[in-house]
Amino acid sequence: MRITVLVLLCMAGVLMPPPVISAHGLAYVAAEVQSGPASSSSSKDFTDDTVKRLENLNLLSEALVARAGSGSSPAHEFRVEARMYRELLRQAMLGNRAQPASEQLPQPLLLDMVRMSALLHSAADCKTGFVITCPADLMLQLKSQQSRVTQGLKMLQMMHR
């Protein structure tokens, strides 16, 4: 609730974004606020909402992968957003478990997103001074895993429509 108020005030231009959340993280939170809470009126609404949340989560991970490769991303911001990714993914997975088996998300996609979370956590530990500096092999793993998550989401969207 508190972060929602801060995001709405930031969107209205009353406050500047908190310094620990980058523009990418703030954009993700704003998208979550605009999409609203999950609707329980029908299973299709839940699926639409869940797919939209996963798409937003994918956008956040794409931004984090790009920032990890830039060599100039502030370490503190990156760590906060990597934790945000993990917690939001956790909420999505808990919500998915509460659904009947016929309405649950594909397990391979969720596992790919968990692997992405682990790689982002590893990237958050690769800091030199106050910036994130990832080794080349970790960047290859991050980019490869990101493409797997993106492909899994595209497949989910095709099945859903």
N, C-alpha and C. Protein backbone atom coordinates (compact mmCIF):
# COMPACT_ATOMS: atom_id res chain seq x y z
N MET A 1 0.82 -1.18 0.00
CA MET A 1 0.00 0.00 0.00
C MET A 1 0.88 1.25 0.00
N ARG A 2 1.92 1.24 0.81
CA ARG A 2 2.78 2.41 0.92
C ARG A 2 3.49 2.70 -0.40
N ILE A 3 3.99 1.65 -1.06
CA ILE A 3 4.68 1.85 -2.32
C ILE A 3 3.71 2.33 -3.40
N THR A 4 2.45 1.88 -3.34
CA THR A 4 1.45 2.32 -4.29
C THR A 4 1.24 3.82 -4.20
N VAL A 5 1.15 4.34 -2.99
CA VAL A 5 0.97 5.78 -2.79
C VAL A 5 2.19 6.53 -3.32
N LEU A 6 3.39 6.04 -3.04
CA LEU A 6 4.59 6.69 -3.53
C LEU A 6 4.64 6.69 -5.05
N VAL A 7 4.29 5.57 -5.66
CA VAL A 7 4.31 5.48 -7.12
C VAL A 7 3.30 6.45 -7.72
N LEU A 8 2.10 6.50 -7.15
CA LEU A 8 1.08 7.41 -7.68
C LEU A 8 1.52 8.86 -7.54
N LEU A 9 2.16 9.21 -6.41
CA LEU A 9 2.66 10.57 -6.24
C LEU A 9 3.79 10.87 -7.22
N CYS A 10 4.63 9.88 -7.49
CA CYS A 10 5.71 10.07 -8.47
C CYS A 10 5.13 10.25 -9.87
N MET A 11 4.11 9.44 -10.19
CA MET A 11 3.49 9.53 -11.51
C MET A 11 2.82 10.89 -11.69
N ALA A 12 2.28 11.44 -10.64
CA ALA A 12 1.62 12.74 -10.71
C ALA A 12 2.63 13.89 -10.71
N GLY A 13 3.90 13.59 -10.49
CA GLY A 13 4.93 14.63 -10.48
C GLY A 13 5.07 15.35 -9.16
N VAL A 14 4.39 14.85 -8.12
CA VAL A 14 4.47 15.49 -6.81
C VAL A 14 5.80 15.16 -6.14
N LEU A 15 6.25 13.92 -6.28
CA LEU A 15 7.51 13.48 -5.69
C LEU A 15 8.44 12.99 -6.79
N MET A 16 9.71 13.05 -6.53
CA MET A 16 10.69 12.44 -7.42
C MET A 16 10.77 10.96 -7.04
N PRO A 17 11.09 10.08 -8.00
CA PRO A 17 11.22 8.66 -7.66
C PRO A 17 12.28 8.43 -6.59
N PRO A 18 12.07 7.44 -5.71
CA PRO A 18 13.08 7.14 -4.69
C PRO A 18 14.41 6.80 -5.36
N PRO A 19 15.52 7.19 -4.80
CA PRO A 19 16.80 6.97 -5.45
C PRO A 19 17.20 5.51 -5.56
N VAL A 20 16.60 4.61 -4.78
CA VAL A 20 17.00 3.21 -4.83
C VAL A 20 16.25 2.43 -5.90
N ILE A 21 15.27 3.03 -6.54
CA ILE A 21 14.54 2.34 -7.59
C ILE A 21 14.77 3.11 -8.88
N SER A 22 15.29 2.42 -9.88
CA SER A 22 15.58 3.09 -11.15
C SER A 22 14.29 3.34 -11.91
N ALA A 23 14.42 3.97 -13.03
CA ALA A 23 13.25 4.25 -13.88
C ALA A 23 12.61 2.96 -14.34
N HIS A 24 13.41 1.91 -14.60
CA HIS A 24 12.86 0.63 -15.03
C HIS A 24 12.01 0.00 -13.93
N GLY A 25 12.53 0.03 -12.71
CA GLY A 25 11.78 -0.52 -11.58
C GLY A 25 10.52 0.26 -11.31
N LEU A 26 10.62 1.59 -11.41
CA LEU A 26 9.46 2.44 -11.19
C LEU A 26 8.41 2.20 -12.27
N ALA A 27 8.87 2.00 -13.52
CA ALA A 27 7.92 1.72 -14.62
C ALA A 27 7.21 0.40 -14.38
N TYR A 28 7.94 -0.59 -13.86
CA TYR A 28 7.30 -1.88 -13.58
C TYR A 28 6.24 -1.72 -12.49
N VAL A 29 6.59 -1.03 -11.41
CA VAL A 29 5.64 -0.84 -10.31
C VAL A 29 4.44 -0.04 -10.78
N ALA A 30 4.66 0.96 -11.62
CA ALA A 30 3.55 1.75 -12.16
C ALA A 30 2.63 0.88 -13.01
N ALA A 31 3.20 -0.03 -13.79
CA ALA A 31 2.38 -0.94 -14.61
C ALA A 31 1.57 -1.86 -13.71
N GLU A 32 2.16 -2.30 -12.60
CA GLU A 32 1.42 -3.14 -11.67
C GLU A 32 0.27 -2.38 -11.03
N VAL A 33 0.50 -1.11 -10.71
CA VAL A 33 -0.55 -0.30 -10.09
C VAL A 33 -1.70 -0.10 -11.09
N GLN A 34 -1.37 0.17 -12.35
CA GLN A 34 -2.39 0.39 -13.35
C GLN A 34 -3.18 -0.87 -13.66
N SER A 35 -2.52 -2.04 -13.61
CA SER A 35 -3.24 -3.28 -13.91
C SER A 35 -4.17 -3.66 -12.78
N GLY A 36 -3.91 -3.18 -11.57
CA GLY A 36 -4.80 -3.43 -10.44
C GLY A 36 -4.67 -4.84 -9.91
N PRO A 37 -5.44 -5.15 -8.86
CA PRO A 37 -5.38 -6.48 -8.27
C PRO A 37 -6.01 -7.51 -9.18
N ALA A 38 -5.64 -8.76 -8.98
CA ALA A 38 -6.18 -9.84 -9.79
C ALA A 38 -7.68 -9.98 -9.57
N SER A 39 -8.39 -10.13 -10.65
CA SER A 39 -9.84 -10.27 -10.57
C SER A 39 -10.20 -11.74 -10.39
N SER A 40 -11.18 -12.01 -9.56
CA SER A 40 -11.59 -13.39 -9.34
C SER A 40 -12.94 -13.67 -9.98
N SER A 41 -13.39 -12.79 -10.89
CA SER A 41 -14.71 -12.95 -11.48
C SER A 41 -14.75 -14.12 -12.45
N SER A 42 -13.68 -14.37 -13.18
CA SER A 42 -13.65 -15.52 -14.07
C SER A 42 -12.21 -15.96 -14.27
N SER A 43 -12.04 -17.19 -14.73
CA SER A 43 -10.69 -17.72 -14.89
C SER A 43 -9.97 -17.01 -16.03
N LYS A 44 -10.69 -16.58 -17.09
CA LYS A 44 -10.05 -15.88 -18.19
C LYS A 44 -9.46 -14.56 -17.71
N ASP A 45 -10.19 -13.83 -16.85
CA ASP A 45 -9.67 -12.58 -16.30
C ASP A 45 -8.39 -12.84 -15.51
N PHE A 46 -8.39 -13.91 -14.71
CA PHE A 46 -7.21 -14.21 -13.93
C PHE A 46 -6.04 -14.51 -14.86
N THR A 47 -6.29 -15.28 -15.92
CA THR A 47 -5.22 -15.64 -16.84
C THR A 47 -4.69 -14.39 -17.54
N ASP A 48 -5.57 -13.51 -17.99
CA ASP A 48 -5.14 -12.27 -18.64
C ASP A 48 -4.27 -11.46 -17.69
N ASP A 49 -4.72 -11.32 -16.46
CA ASP A 49 -3.98 -10.54 -15.47
C ASP A 49 -2.63 -11.19 -15.17
N THR A 50 -2.61 -12.49 -15.03
CA THR A 50 -1.36 -13.19 -14.73
C THR A 50 -0.39 -13.07 -15.89
N VAL A 51 -0.87 -13.22 -17.10
CA VAL A 51 0.01 -13.10 -18.27
C VAL A 51 0.57 -11.68 -18.34
N LYS A 52 -0.25 -10.69 -18.08
CA LYS A 52 0.22 -9.30 -18.10
C LYS A 52 1.29 -9.07 -17.03
N ARG A 53 1.09 -9.62 -15.85
CA ARG A 53 2.08 -9.48 -14.78
C ARG A 53 3.40 -10.16 -15.17
N LEU A 54 3.32 -11.33 -15.79
CA LEU A 54 4.54 -12.02 -16.22
C LEU A 54 5.23 -11.24 -17.33
N GLU A 55 4.46 -10.62 -18.23
CA GLU A 55 5.06 -9.78 -19.27
C GLU A 55 5.80 -8.60 -18.64
N ASN A 56 5.19 -7.97 -17.65
CA ASN A 56 5.84 -6.85 -16.96
C ASN A 56 7.09 -7.32 -16.23
N LEU A 57 7.02 -8.49 -15.64
CA LEU A 57 8.19 -9.05 -14.95
C LEU A 57 9.30 -9.34 -15.96
N ASN A 58 8.92 -9.80 -17.13
CA ASN A 58 9.90 -10.06 -18.19
C ASN A 58 10.57 -8.76 -18.64
N LEU A 59 9.79 -7.69 -18.74
CA LEU A 59 10.37 -6.39 -19.11
C LEU A 59 11.38 -5.93 -18.06
N LEU A 60 11.05 -6.16 -16.80
CA LEU A 60 11.98 -5.80 -15.73
C LEU A 60 13.26 -6.61 -15.83
N SER A 61 13.15 -7.91 -16.08
CA SER A 61 14.36 -8.73 -16.18
C SER A 61 15.18 -8.35 -17.42
N GLU A 62 14.52 -7.99 -18.52
CA GLU A 62 15.27 -7.52 -19.70
C GLU A 62 16.07 -6.27 -19.38
N ALA A 63 15.44 -5.36 -18.66
CA ALA A 63 16.14 -4.12 -18.28
C ALA A 63 17.31 -4.44 -17.34
N LEU A 64 17.12 -5.36 -16.42
CA LEU A 64 18.20 -5.72 -15.50
C LEU A 64 19.36 -6.39 -16.23
N VAL A 65 19.05 -7.24 -17.21
CA VAL A 65 20.12 -7.88 -17.99
C VAL A 65 20.91 -6.83 -18.76
N ALA A 66 20.20 -5.88 -19.36
CA ALA A 66 20.88 -4.81 -20.10
C ALA A 66 21.76 -3.98 -19.16
N ARG A 67 21.25 -3.69 -17.98
CA ARG A 67 22.03 -2.90 -17.02
C ARG A 67 23.22 -3.69 -16.48
N ALA A 68 23.05 -5.01 -16.34
CA ALA A 68 24.17 -5.83 -15.85
C ALA A 68 25.32 -5.80 -16.86
N GLY A 69 24.99 -5.74 -18.13
CA GLY A 69 26.02 -5.72 -19.16
C GLY A 69 26.61 -4.35 -19.42
N SER A 70 25.99 -3.31 -18.91
CA SER A 70 26.46 -1.95 -19.19
C SER A 70 27.75 -1.62 -18.46
N GLY A 71 27.95 -2.22 -17.30
CA GLY A 71 29.15 -1.92 -16.52
C GLY A 71 29.07 -0.61 -15.77
N SER A 72 27.91 0.05 -15.82
CA SER A 72 27.80 1.34 -15.12
C SER A 72 26.55 1.42 -14.26
N SER A 73 25.92 0.29 -14.00
CA SER A 73 24.70 0.28 -13.20
C SER A 73 25.04 0.35 -11.71
N PRO A 74 24.44 1.29 -10.97
CA PRO A 74 24.70 1.36 -9.53
C PRO A 74 24.32 0.05 -8.83
N ALA A 75 25.21 -0.46 -8.04
CA ALA A 75 25.02 -1.77 -7.41
C ALA A 75 23.80 -1.81 -6.50
N HIS A 76 23.59 -0.76 -5.72
CA HIS A 76 22.49 -0.75 -4.76
C HIS A 76 21.14 -0.82 -5.48
N GLU A 77 20.96 -0.02 -6.52
CA GLU A 77 19.71 -0.06 -7.29
C GLU A 77 19.48 -1.43 -7.90
N PHE A 78 20.53 -1.98 -8.46
CA PHE A 78 20.43 -3.28 -9.12
C PHE A 78 20.01 -4.35 -8.12
N ARG A 79 20.61 -4.33 -6.95
CA ARG A 79 20.27 -5.32 -5.93
C ARG A 79 18.81 -5.18 -5.48
N VAL A 80 18.35 -3.96 -5.30
CA VAL A 80 16.96 -3.74 -4.89
C VAL A 80 16.01 -4.28 -5.95
N GLU A 81 16.29 -4.00 -7.21
CA GLU A 81 15.41 -4.44 -8.28
C GLU A 81 15.48 -5.95 -8.51
N ALA A 82 16.65 -6.55 -8.29
CA ALA A 82 16.75 -8.01 -8.39
C ALA A 82 15.91 -8.66 -7.28
N ARG A 83 15.92 -8.07 -6.08
CA ARG A 83 15.07 -8.57 -5.00
C ARG A 83 13.60 -8.36 -5.32
N MET A 84 13.28 -7.23 -5.94
CA MET A 84 11.90 -6.96 -6.33
C MET A 84 11.43 -8.01 -7.34
N TYR A 85 12.27 -8.34 -8.30
CA TYR A 85 11.94 -9.38 -9.28
C TYR A 85 11.64 -10.70 -8.57
N ARG A 86 12.52 -11.07 -7.65
CA ARG A 86 12.35 -12.34 -6.94
C ARG A 86 11.04 -12.37 -6.15
N GLU A 87 10.75 -11.30 -5.43
CA GLU A 87 9.54 -11.27 -4.61
C GLU A 87 8.27 -11.24 -5.45
N LEU A 88 8.28 -10.50 -6.53
CA LEU A 88 7.10 -10.46 -7.40
C LEU A 88 6.89 -11.79 -8.11
N LEU A 89 7.98 -12.45 -8.47
CA LEU A 89 7.87 -13.79 -9.05
C LEU A 89 7.31 -14.76 -8.01
N ARG A 90 7.76 -14.64 -6.78
CA ARG A 90 7.26 -15.48 -5.70
C ARG A 90 5.75 -15.31 -5.52
N GLN A 91 5.28 -14.06 -5.55
CA GLN A 91 3.84 -13.80 -5.43
C GLN A 91 3.07 -14.42 -6.59
N ALA A 92 3.61 -14.30 -7.79
CA ALA A 92 2.95 -14.88 -8.96
C ALA A 92 2.88 -16.40 -8.84
N MET A 93 3.94 -17.02 -8.34
CA MET A 93 3.95 -18.48 -8.21
C MET A 93 2.98 -18.94 -7.12
N LEU A 94 2.90 -18.21 -6.02
CA LEU A 94 1.95 -18.56 -4.97
C LEU A 94 0.52 -18.42 -5.47
N GLY A 95 0.25 -17.36 -6.23
CA GLY A 95 -1.07 -17.19 -6.82
C GLY A 95 -1.39 -18.29 -7.81
N ASN A 96 -0.39 -18.75 -8.53
CA ASN A 96 -0.57 -19.82 -9.49
C ASN A 96 -0.90 -21.14 -8.79
N ARG A 97 -0.26 -21.39 -7.67
CA ARG A 97 -0.54 -22.63 -6.92
C ARG A 97 -1.97 -22.70 -6.41
N ALA A 98 -2.56 -21.54 -6.16
CA ALA A 98 -3.92 -21.49 -5.63
C ALA A 98 -4.96 -21.79 -6.70
N GLN A 99 -4.56 -21.82 -7.96
CA GLN A 99 -5.49 -22.07 -9.06
C GLN A 99 -5.68 -23.57 -9.28
N PRO A 100 -6.82 -23.96 -9.86
CA PRO A 100 -7.00 -25.36 -10.24
C PRO A 100 -5.93 -25.77 -11.25
N ALA A 101 -5.63 -27.04 -11.30
CA ALA A 101 -4.55 -27.53 -12.16
C ALA A 101 -4.76 -27.16 -13.63
N SER A 102 -6.00 -27.10 -14.07
CA SER A 102 -6.27 -26.80 -15.48
C SER A 102 -5.99 -25.33 -15.82
N GLU A 103 -5.91 -24.46 -14.83
CA GLU A 103 -5.69 -23.03 -15.07
C GLU A 103 -4.30 -22.56 -14.69
N GLN A 104 -3.43 -23.49 -14.27
CA GLN A 104 -2.10 -23.09 -13.84
C GLN A 104 -1.19 -22.80 -15.03
N LEU A 105 -0.20 -21.97 -14.77
CA LEU A 105 0.78 -21.62 -15.79
C LEU A 105 1.69 -22.81 -16.07
N PRO A 106 2.28 -22.86 -17.26
CA PRO A 106 3.19 -23.97 -17.58
C PRO A 106 4.40 -23.98 -16.64
N GLN A 107 4.69 -25.13 -16.10
CA GLN A 107 5.79 -25.28 -15.16
C GLN A 107 7.14 -24.92 -15.76
N PRO A 108 7.43 -25.30 -17.02
CA PRO A 108 8.74 -24.92 -17.59
C PRO A 108 8.97 -23.41 -17.62
N LEU A 109 7.93 -22.63 -17.91
CA LEU A 109 8.06 -21.18 -17.92
C LEU A 109 8.40 -20.66 -16.53
N LEU A 110 7.70 -21.16 -15.52
CA LEU A 110 7.97 -20.72 -14.15
C LEU A 110 9.38 -21.10 -13.71
N LEU A 111 9.83 -22.29 -14.10
CA LEU A 111 11.19 -22.70 -13.74
C LEU A 111 12.23 -21.83 -14.44
N ASP A 112 11.96 -21.46 -15.70
CA ASP A 112 12.88 -20.56 -16.39
C ASP A 112 12.95 -19.20 -15.69
N MET A 113 11.81 -18.74 -15.18
CA MET A 113 11.80 -17.46 -14.48
C MET A 113 12.52 -17.56 -13.14
N VAL A 114 12.44 -18.70 -12.49
CA VAL A 114 13.18 -18.91 -11.24
C VAL A 114 14.68 -18.93 -11.53
N ARG A 115 15.07 -19.59 -12.61
CA ARG A 115 16.49 -19.59 -12.99
C ARG A 115 16.97 -18.17 -13.30
N MET A 116 16.10 -17.39 -13.95
CA MET A 116 16.43 -16.00 -14.25
C MET A 116 16.66 -15.23 -12.96
N SER A 117 15.81 -15.47 -11.97
CA SER A 117 15.95 -14.81 -10.68
C SER A 117 17.30 -15.17 -10.03
N ALA A 118 17.67 -16.43 -10.11
CA ALA A 118 18.95 -16.86 -9.53
C ALA A 118 20.13 -16.20 -10.25
N LEU A 119 20.05 -16.11 -11.57
CA LEU A 119 21.13 -15.46 -12.32
C LEU A 119 21.20 -13.96 -12.01
N LEU A 120 20.04 -13.33 -11.85
CA LEU A 120 20.04 -11.91 -11.49
C LEU A 120 20.65 -11.70 -10.10
N HIS A 121 20.38 -12.64 -9.20
CA HIS A 121 20.98 -12.57 -7.86
C HIS A 121 22.50 -12.71 -7.96
N SER A 122 22.96 -13.61 -8.83
CA SER A 122 24.41 -13.76 -9.04
C SER A 122 25.01 -12.49 -9.63
N ALA A 123 24.28 -11.87 -10.56
CA ALA A 123 24.77 -10.62 -11.16
C ALA A 123 24.84 -9.52 -10.11
N ALA A 124 23.90 -9.52 -9.17
CA ALA A 124 23.89 -8.49 -8.12
C ALA A 124 25.12 -8.60 -7.23
N ASP A 125 25.71 -9.79 -7.15
CA ASP A 125 26.91 -9.98 -6.35
C ASP A 125 28.19 -9.60 -7.09
N CYS A 126 28.09 -9.32 -8.38
CA CYS A 126 29.26 -8.96 -9.20
C CYS A 126 29.44 -7.46 -9.21
N LYS A 127 29.98 -6.94 -8.15
CA LYS A 127 30.16 -5.49 -8.14
C LYS A 127 31.63 -5.15 -8.00
N THR A 128 31.97 -4.05 -8.65
CA THR A 128 33.30 -3.49 -8.55
C THR A 128 33.11 -2.06 -8.10
N GLY A 129 33.50 -1.79 -6.89
CA GLY A 129 33.22 -0.48 -6.33
C GLY A 129 31.74 -0.35 -6.08
N PHE A 130 31.11 0.62 -6.72
CA PHE A 130 29.69 0.85 -6.52
C PHE A 130 28.86 0.50 -7.75
N VAL A 131 29.46 -0.19 -8.73
CA VAL A 131 28.73 -0.55 -9.94
C VAL A 131 28.77 -2.06 -10.17
N ILE A 132 27.79 -2.53 -10.94
CA ILE A 132 27.72 -3.95 -11.29
C ILE A 132 28.62 -4.20 -12.49
N THR A 133 29.53 -5.15 -12.35
CA THR A 133 30.42 -5.54 -13.44
C THR A 133 30.40 -7.06 -13.53
N CYS A 134 29.66 -7.59 -14.50
CA CYS A 134 29.51 -9.04 -14.63
C CYS A 134 30.56 -9.62 -15.56
N PRO A 135 31.07 -10.81 -15.22
CA PRO A 135 32.00 -11.48 -16.14
C PRO A 135 31.25 -11.93 -17.41
N ALA A 136 32.00 -12.16 -18.45
CA ALA A 136 31.42 -12.49 -19.76
C ALA A 136 30.58 -13.77 -19.72
N ASP A 137 31.04 -14.78 -18.99
CA ASP A 137 30.28 -16.04 -18.96
C ASP A 137 28.92 -15.86 -18.27
N LEU A 138 28.87 -15.05 -17.23
CA LEU A 138 27.58 -14.78 -16.58
C LEU A 138 26.67 -13.98 -17.50
N MET A 139 27.22 -13.05 -18.24
CA MET A 139 26.41 -12.29 -19.20
C MET A 139 25.83 -13.19 -20.28
N LEU A 140 26.62 -14.16 -20.74
CA LEU A 140 26.09 -15.12 -21.72
C LEU A 140 24.95 -15.93 -21.14
N GLN A 141 25.10 -16.36 -19.89
CA GLN A 141 24.03 -17.11 -19.23
C GLN A 141 22.79 -16.25 -19.04
N LEU A 142 22.97 -14.99 -18.64
CA LEU A 142 21.84 -14.09 -18.44
C LEU A 142 21.08 -13.87 -19.75
N LYS A 143 21.81 -13.61 -20.83
CA LYS A 143 21.16 -13.37 -22.12
C LYS A 143 20.46 -14.61 -22.64
N SER A 144 21.08 -15.76 -22.46
CA SER A 144 20.48 -17.01 -22.90
C SER A 144 19.20 -17.31 -22.11
N GLN A 145 19.26 -17.13 -20.80
CA GLN A 145 18.09 -17.39 -19.96
C GLN A 145 16.99 -16.38 -20.26
N GLN A 146 17.36 -15.13 -20.51
CA GLN A 146 16.36 -14.12 -20.85
C GLN A 146 15.63 -14.49 -22.14
N SER A 147 16.37 -15.00 -23.11
CA SER A 147 15.71 -15.40 -24.36
C SER A 147 14.77 -16.59 -24.14
N ARG A 148 15.15 -17.51 -23.24
CA ARG A 148 14.26 -18.64 -22.91
C ARG A 148 12.96 -18.15 -22.27
N VAL A 149 13.08 -17.21 -21.34
CA VAL A 149 11.89 -16.66 -20.67
C VAL A 149 11.00 -15.93 -21.68
N THR A 150 11.61 -15.14 -22.53
CA THR A 150 10.84 -14.40 -23.54
C THR A 150 10.13 -15.36 -24.48
N GLN A 151 10.82 -16.40 -24.92
CA GLN A 151 10.20 -17.40 -25.81
C GLN A 151 9.06 -18.12 -25.10
N GLY A 152 9.26 -18.46 -23.83
CA GLY A 152 8.20 -19.12 -23.07
C GLY A 152 6.96 -18.25 -22.93
N LEU A 153 7.16 -16.96 -22.73
CA LEU A 153 6.03 -16.03 -22.65
C LEU A 153 5.32 -15.90 -23.99
N LYS A 154 6.08 -15.89 -25.08
CA LYS A 154 5.46 -15.82 -26.41
C LYS A 154 4.61 -17.05 -26.66
N MET A 155 5.11 -18.21 -26.25
CA MET A 155 4.33 -19.45 -26.41
C MET A 155 3.06 -19.39 -25.57
N LEU A 156 3.17 -18.89 -24.35
CA LEU A 156 2.01 -18.76 -23.48
C LEU A 156 0.97 -17.83 -24.09
N GLN A 157 1.43 -16.73 -24.65
CA GLN A 157 0.52 -15.78 -25.29
C GLN A 157 -0.18 -16.42 -26.49
N MET A 158 0.55 -17.21 -27.25
CA MET A 158 -0.05 -17.89 -28.42
C MET A 158 -1.09 -18.90 -27.97
N MET A 159 -0.81 -19.63 -26.91
CA MET A 159 -1.77 -20.63 -26.40
C MET A 159 -2.98 -19.95 -25.81
N HIS A 160 -2.76 -18.79 -25.20
CA HIS A 160 -3.83 -18.09 -24.48
C HIS A 160 -4.84 -17.46 -25.43
N ARG A 161 -4.38 -17.01 -26.60
CA ARG A 161 -5.27 -16.28 -27.52
C ARG A 161 -6.00 -17.17 -28.44
